[in-house]
Protein backbone atom coordinates (compact mmCIF):
# COMPACT_ATOMS: atom_id res chain seq x y z
CA MET A 1 39.74 149.74 30.77
CA HIS A 2 39.11 147.39 27.94
CA ARG A 3 42.15 145.39 28.98
CA ARG A 4 40.88 145.05 32.58
CA LYS A 5 37.51 143.88 31.37
CA LEU A 6 39.20 141.34 29.11
CA LEU A 7 41.35 140.07 31.98
CA LYS A 8 38.27 139.67 34.22
CA THR A 9 36.50 137.76 31.47
CA LEU A 10 39.46 135.47 30.88
CA THR A 11 39.90 134.90 34.63
CA ALA A 12 36.23 134.00 35.06
CA ALA A 13 36.43 131.64 32.11
CA ALA A 14 39.51 129.96 33.58
CA VAL A 15 37.79 129.48 36.95
CA ALA A 16 34.71 128.07 35.24
CA ALA A 17 36.87 125.69 33.25
CA GLY A 18 38.58 124.51 36.41
CA LEU A 19 35.26 123.81 38.12
CA ALA A 20 33.63 122.12 35.20
CA PRO A 21 35.38 118.75 35.50
CA LEU A 22 34.21 118.29 39.11
CA GLY A 23 30.60 119.09 38.24
CA ALA A 24 30.74 116.96 35.15
CA GLN A 25 32.27 114.10 37.13
CA ALA A 26 29.41 114.09 39.63
CA ALA A 27 26.79 114.40 36.87
CA ALA A 28 28.24 111.50 34.89
CA TRP A 29 28.82 109.27 37.90
CA PRO A 30 28.96 106.35 37.78
CA ASP A 31 30.49 105.62 34.38
CA ARG A 32 32.42 102.51 35.49
CA PRO A 33 32.10 99.72 38.13
CA ILE A 34 32.03 100.69 41.81
CA THR A 35 33.94 98.76 44.46
CA VAL A 36 32.34 98.18 47.86
CA VAL A 37 34.88 96.99 50.44
CA VAL A 38 33.73 94.63 53.20
CA PRO A 39 36.41 94.60 55.97
CA PHE A 40 35.70 90.97 56.95
CA SER A 41 35.92 87.56 55.35
CA PRO A 42 33.00 86.23 53.29
CA GLY A 43 30.05 84.70 55.08
CA GLY A 44 29.58 87.11 57.99
CA GLY A 45 26.56 89.38 58.51
CA ILE A 46 28.14 92.50 56.96
CA ASP A 47 29.28 90.53 53.92
CA LEU A 48 25.93 88.87 53.33
CA ILE A 49 23.89 92.07 53.69
CA SER A 50 26.36 93.95 51.47
CA ARG A 51 25.81 91.39 48.71
CA ILE A 52 22.00 91.56 49.03
CA PHE A 53 22.13 95.33 48.59
CA ALA A 54 24.97 95.49 46.05
CA LYS A 55 22.95 93.80 43.31
CA GLN A 56 19.98 96.15 43.66
CA ILE A 57 22.07 99.30 44.17
CA GLY A 58 23.84 98.39 40.92
CA LYS A 59 20.48 98.23 39.15
CA GLU A 60 19.45 101.61 40.60
CA LEU A 61 22.73 103.22 39.42
CA LYS A 62 22.87 101.21 36.18
CA GLN A 63 26.41 100.12 36.96
CA SER A 64 28.17 97.06 38.35
CA ILE A 65 28.91 96.91 42.10
CA ILE A 66 31.91 94.76 43.03
CA VAL A 67 32.02 93.49 46.61
CA GLU A 68 35.62 93.09 47.74
CA ASN A 69 36.59 91.43 51.03
CA ARG A 70 39.59 92.91 52.86
CA PRO A 71 39.64 91.30 56.33
CA GLY A 72 42.02 91.91 59.18
CA ALA A 73 42.39 93.59 62.60
CA GLY A 74 38.66 93.62 63.39
CA GLY A 75 37.81 95.54 60.23
CA VAL A 76 40.61 98.08 60.45
CA VAL A 77 42.53 96.83 57.37
CA GLY A 78 39.60 97.25 54.99
CA SER A 79 38.49 100.51 56.57
CA ALA A 80 41.96 102.02 56.26
CA HIS A 81 42.07 101.01 52.60
CA VAL A 82 38.89 102.97 51.88
CA ALA A 83 39.92 105.92 54.07
CA ARG A 84 43.03 106.32 51.89
CA ALA A 85 41.25 105.71 48.58
CA LYS A 86 40.71 108.40 45.98
CA PRO A 87 37.46 110.26 46.82
CA ASP A 88 36.00 109.91 43.35
CA GLY A 89 32.90 107.83 44.13
CA TYR A 90 34.28 104.50 42.99
CA THR A 91 35.36 103.07 46.36
CA PHE A 92 33.00 102.66 49.31
CA LEU A 93 33.06 100.79 52.61
CA VAL A 94 30.30 98.78 54.30
CA ALA A 95 30.98 98.50 58.00
CA GLY A 96 29.24 98.06 61.34
CA ASN A 97 29.72 99.09 64.95
CA GLY A 98 33.49 98.75 64.78
CA ILE A 99 33.75 101.74 62.47
CA VAL A 100 32.70 104.06 65.33
CA THR A 101 34.51 102.24 68.15
CA ASN A 102 37.87 101.12 66.75
CA SER A 103 39.46 104.50 67.47
CA GLN A 104 38.28 104.18 71.08
CA ILE A 105 39.83 100.71 71.36
CA ARG A 106 43.01 101.06 69.27
CA SER A 107 45.67 103.66 69.87
CA ASP A 108 47.37 102.58 66.63
CA GLN A 109 44.41 102.95 64.24
CA PRO A 110 46.10 103.69 60.88
CA TYR A 111 43.56 106.31 59.81
CA LYS A 112 41.49 109.03 61.44
CA ASP A 113 37.72 108.72 61.90
CA ASP A 114 37.12 111.90 59.92
CA GLN A 115 38.73 110.31 56.84
CA LEU A 116 35.48 108.38 56.32
CA THR A 117 32.10 109.98 55.65
CA PRO A 118 28.71 108.32 56.43
CA VAL A 119 26.61 107.70 53.33
CA GLY A 120 23.65 105.55 54.34
CA LEU A 121 22.31 102.77 56.55
CA LEU A 122 21.66 99.46 54.80
CA GLY A 123 19.98 97.65 57.66
CA VAL A 124 20.00 96.41 61.23
CA ALA A 125 20.24 92.66 61.80
CA PRO A 126 19.27 91.37 65.27
CA SER A 127 22.14 89.60 67.02
CA ILE A 128 21.54 86.12 68.44
CA ILE A 129 23.63 84.62 71.24
CA VAL A 130 24.24 80.95 70.40
CA THR A 131 25.91 77.86 71.76
CA ASN A 132 26.44 74.28 70.59
CA PRO A 133 23.26 72.10 70.53
CA SER A 134 24.96 69.72 72.97
CA ASN A 135 24.76 72.36 75.69
CA PRO A 136 21.83 71.51 78.02
CA ALA A 137 20.80 75.15 78.62
CA HIS A 138 17.53 76.40 77.19
CA GLY A 139 18.04 80.15 77.22
CA LEU A 140 20.71 82.56 78.44
CA LYS A 141 19.46 82.61 82.04
CA GLU A 142 19.83 78.83 82.35
CA PHE A 143 23.23 78.94 80.61
CA VAL A 144 24.44 81.42 83.26
CA GLU A 145 22.91 79.47 86.14
CA ASN A 146 24.48 76.20 85.00
CA ALA A 147 27.92 77.79 84.58
CA LYS A 148 27.81 79.27 88.09
CA LYS A 149 26.40 76.12 89.67
CA ASN A 150 29.19 74.03 88.11
CA HIS A 151 31.86 76.62 89.02
CA VAL A 152 33.03 76.89 85.41
CA SER A 153 36.37 78.75 85.41
CA ARG A 154 36.41 79.79 81.75
CA ILE A 155 33.80 80.31 79.04
CA THR A 156 35.16 80.97 75.56
CA PHE A 157 33.31 83.41 73.31
CA SER A 158 34.30 83.77 69.64
CA ARG A 159 34.36 87.20 68.03
CA ALA A 160 35.25 88.70 64.64
CA GLY A 161 38.19 90.59 66.09
CA VAL A 162 38.42 93.34 68.71
CA GLY A 163 35.68 95.94 68.30
CA SER A 164 33.35 93.73 66.24
CA THR A 165 29.70 93.40 67.26
CA PRO A 166 30.29 89.92 68.80
CA ASP A 167 33.08 91.48 70.87
CA PHE A 168 30.62 94.02 72.26
CA VAL A 169 28.06 91.30 72.97
CA ALA A 170 30.77 89.30 74.80
CA ALA A 171 31.68 92.40 76.83
CA MET A 172 28.03 93.00 77.71
CA VAL A 173 27.50 89.36 78.70
CA LYS A 174 30.58 89.49 80.89
CA GLN A 175 29.51 92.75 82.54
CA GLU A 176 25.89 91.76 83.10
CA THR A 177 26.27 88.09 84.12
CA GLY A 178 29.63 87.99 85.84
CA LEU A 179 30.64 84.94 83.81
CA PRO A 180 34.39 84.32 83.27
CA ILE A 181 34.22 85.14 79.55
CA GLN A 182 37.39 84.80 77.45
CA MET A 183 37.20 86.25 73.95
CA ILE A 184 38.68 84.23 71.07
CA SER A 185 39.29 86.16 67.84
CA TYR A 186 38.54 85.00 64.30
CA LYS A 187 38.71 86.80 60.94
CA SER A 188 34.93 86.88 60.54
CA GLY A 189 31.67 86.17 62.31
CA SER A 190 31.09 83.11 60.15
CA GLU A 191 34.42 81.59 61.30
CA GLY A 192 33.48 82.28 64.91
CA VAL A 193 30.14 80.57 64.37
CA THR A 194 31.86 77.56 62.80
CA ALA A 195 34.01 77.28 65.92
CA VAL A 196 30.85 77.00 68.05
CA ILE A 197 29.39 74.36 65.75
CA GLY A 198 32.64 72.40 66.08
CA ASN A 199 32.61 72.80 69.91
CA GLN A 200 35.93 74.65 69.74
CA VAL A 201 34.43 77.55 71.70
CA ASP A 202 31.47 77.68 74.07
CA MET A 203 29.40 80.47 72.63
CA THR A 204 29.21 83.48 70.35
CA SER A 205 26.73 85.92 68.88
CA GLU A 206 26.20 86.80 65.24
CA ALA A 207 23.70 88.50 62.99
CA SER A 208 20.40 86.70 62.43
CA ILE A 209 21.18 86.41 58.71
CA VAL A 210 24.10 84.11 59.65
CA THR A 211 22.70 82.28 62.67
CA LEU A 212 19.01 81.63 61.95
CA PRO A 213 19.53 79.13 59.11
CA LEU A 214 21.96 77.19 61.33
CA ILE A 215 19.63 77.34 64.33
CA LYS A 216 16.73 76.05 62.25
CA GLY A 217 19.06 73.38 60.80
CA GLY A 218 19.96 72.13 64.26
CA LYS A 219 23.62 73.12 64.12
CA LEU A 220 23.34 75.91 66.70
CA LYS A 221 21.19 76.47 69.81
CA ALA A 222 19.79 79.97 70.37
CA LEU A 223 20.08 81.44 73.88
CA ALA A 224 18.71 84.96 73.34
CA THR A 225 18.35 87.82 70.86
CA THR A 226 19.91 91.17 71.68
CA TRP A 227 17.85 93.70 69.72
CA GLY A 228 14.34 94.96 70.43
CA GLY A 229 11.55 92.39 70.64
CA ARG A 230 11.31 88.79 69.54
CA LEU A 231 12.06 88.00 65.88
CA ALA A 232 9.10 87.69 63.52
CA SER A 233 10.89 84.87 61.73
CA ALA A 234 11.79 83.02 64.99
CA PRO A 235 9.38 84.09 67.74
CA GLU A 236 10.40 81.15 69.93
CA ILE A 237 13.77 82.76 70.76
CA PRO A 238 13.55 84.94 73.90
CA THR A 239 15.18 88.35 74.15
CA ALA A 240 18.09 88.99 76.52
CA ALA A 241 15.77 91.32 78.46
CA GLU A 242 13.22 88.53 78.91
CA GLU A 243 16.05 86.32 80.18
CA GLY A 244 16.81 88.91 82.85
CA PHE A 245 19.58 90.91 81.16
CA PRO A 246 18.04 94.11 79.70
CA ASN A 247 21.43 95.83 79.30
CA ILE A 248 22.61 93.26 76.77
CA ARG A 249 21.25 95.20 73.85
CA ILE A 250 22.95 95.67 70.49
CA GLY A 251 22.21 95.06 66.83
CA HIS A 252 24.40 94.33 63.83
CA TRP A 253 23.93 97.50 61.86
CA GLU A 254 25.52 97.80 58.44
CA GLY A 255 26.24 101.19 56.92
CA MET A 256 27.99 102.57 53.88
CA PHE A 257 30.89 105.03 54.13
CA ALA A 258 33.00 106.91 51.56
CA PRO A 259 36.43 108.51 51.60
CA THR A 260 36.04 112.04 52.93
CA GLY A 261 36.18 114.50 50.07
CA THR A 262 33.89 112.51 47.80
CA PRO A 263 31.60 115.05 46.05
CA PRO A 264 28.32 115.57 47.94
CA ALA A 265 26.32 115.07 44.73
CA ILE A 266 27.78 111.56 44.44
CA LEU A 267 27.09 110.80 48.10
CA ASP A 268 23.49 111.96 47.65
CA LYS A 269 23.06 109.72 44.61
CA MET A 270 24.42 106.72 46.47
CA ASN A 271 22.17 107.42 49.48
CA ALA A 272 19.16 107.66 47.16
CA ALA A 273 20.14 104.34 45.56
CA ILE A 274 20.38 102.71 48.99
CA LEU A 275 16.94 104.02 49.97
CA GLN A 276 15.42 102.73 46.73
CA ALA A 277 17.14 99.35 47.12
CA ALA A 278 15.73 99.06 50.64
CA LYS A 279 12.19 99.31 49.16
CA ASN A 280 12.79 96.65 46.50
CA PRO A 281 10.53 93.56 46.97
CA GLU A 282 13.39 91.11 46.37
CA VAL A 283 15.63 92.87 48.91
CA LEU A 284 12.78 93.08 51.43
CA ALA A 285 12.00 89.40 51.01
CA ALA A 286 15.66 88.47 51.58
CA LEU A 287 15.85 90.61 54.71
CA LYS A 288 12.50 89.43 56.09
CA LYS A 289 13.67 85.81 56.22
CA THR A 290 16.04 86.70 59.05
CA SER A 291 14.10 89.65 60.57
CA ILE A 292 16.50 92.34 59.33
CA GLU A 293 15.18 95.90 59.41
CA PRO A 294 16.06 97.82 56.22
CA GLY A 295 17.65 101.25 56.65
CA ASP A 296 15.73 104.41 55.79
CA TYR A 297 18.12 107.18 56.84
CA THR A 298 19.10 110.27 54.91
CA ARG A 299 22.79 111.14 54.97
CA ALA A 300 22.20 113.60 57.80
CA GLN A 301 20.23 111.06 59.84
CA PHE A 302 22.84 108.38 59.35
CA THR A 303 25.58 110.79 60.39
CA LYS A 304 23.71 111.54 63.62
CA PHE A 305 23.16 107.80 64.17
CA THR A 306 26.89 107.07 63.93
CA LYS A 307 27.68 109.89 66.38
CA ASP A 308 25.12 108.57 68.85
CA GLU A 309 26.53 105.02 68.54
CA TYR A 310 30.04 106.40 69.11
CA THR A 311 28.86 107.79 72.45
CA ARG A 312 26.68 104.83 73.50
CA LEU A 313 29.18 102.08 72.67
CA GLY A 314 32.06 104.19 74.00
CA LYS A 315 30.56 103.65 77.48
CA VAL A 316 30.75 99.85 76.93
CA VAL A 317 34.39 100.22 75.85
CA LYS A 318 35.25 102.04 79.07
CA ALA A 319 33.23 99.80 81.37
CA GLY A 320 34.69 96.67 79.77
CA HIS A 321 38.22 98.03 79.59
CA MET A 322 38.22 96.98 75.92
CA HIS A 323 41.50 97.40 74.08
CA ALA A 324 43.35 96.00 71.09
CA GLU A 325 45.24 92.75 71.51
C-alpha cells in the first residue's frame, strides 16, 4: 500500500515537472526579441502599418520587435515560413486579405490554413484606386466612360501578386465595369504604385497609408476609395459607391497570426499588447493621417472576422475565376 502511494506521488510529481516548463515559458514570455514577418517588400501598406505597431507593441511587452520582410508569391512565401516556425511565441506574421484567400486561389499552397492562428487585428486602411496624373479622368466613373468611348482594348492594373488586396480590387473593377483589365504583378504594393507613377501601368489601388501622401504630392490621381464613406483626411475623394459602383468594396486590413500550437497565454498577451498599442496617442496620430481605423478585436472576434472574410472574398474568387499564375 505504501509502495502504491509512493508511486502515485512520484508519478504526479513527474507530470507536474513535465508541465512546468510550458507554464513557465508562457509566464516569462517574452524574454528575447520577437520577429514579426511581413510577407511583402518594404513600403507597402502591410509593411508600414506593421512598423507603426511594432514599436509600440515592443514597449507594451518590454521587448524588441523585429520586422522582417519575406516577399514572394503574393505573400505565400512569408506566410509559409511562419506556418512552419516553432510555436514558441517568437515568430509572428502580419498579413492581409491574402491570408484567407490564397488557399482558394492556389492549389499548390505550401502550408495549410489551420497551421496559422489569428491573434489580433491591427487596423483597416481604406483602399484608393489611383491612376497617373496625366490621365484626364476625374473619378472612376469618368475613367470607365473614357475607356469605353475610346474603345480601349487593354487597361493594365498593377497588383502585389495574386490574392493581394489590389488583385481583389482589380477583379471587382473588372466585374463591375466590364473594362478589359489585365493584372500586372509586382512584389509589393509600393512597387505597383511606382509603376503607375512612371506610367508603366494604367492604374492600381493601394492602402491610404501608401497612396495619400503621393496623391497630395501630385504624383498620383485618386479615382475612388473602396471602403465605407469618404476619408476624413481626404474628403474630396469620392467613394466607389458614389461613382456608381457599390460592389467595389474592400479595405486593406492587417492582422497578426501565429504558428498554430503557440500557447494560448502567449497569444492572449500579444492580443492585449495590440489592443493597448491601438489606443496609444502616437499610434492613433500616425493612423489618423491616412484615415486608418485601428483594430479593437479580441482573439475570438478576429477569428470570426477572418472566417467571414474567407466566405465573402471567396465569392469574388469564384466570380472572377481567380487563380495562381
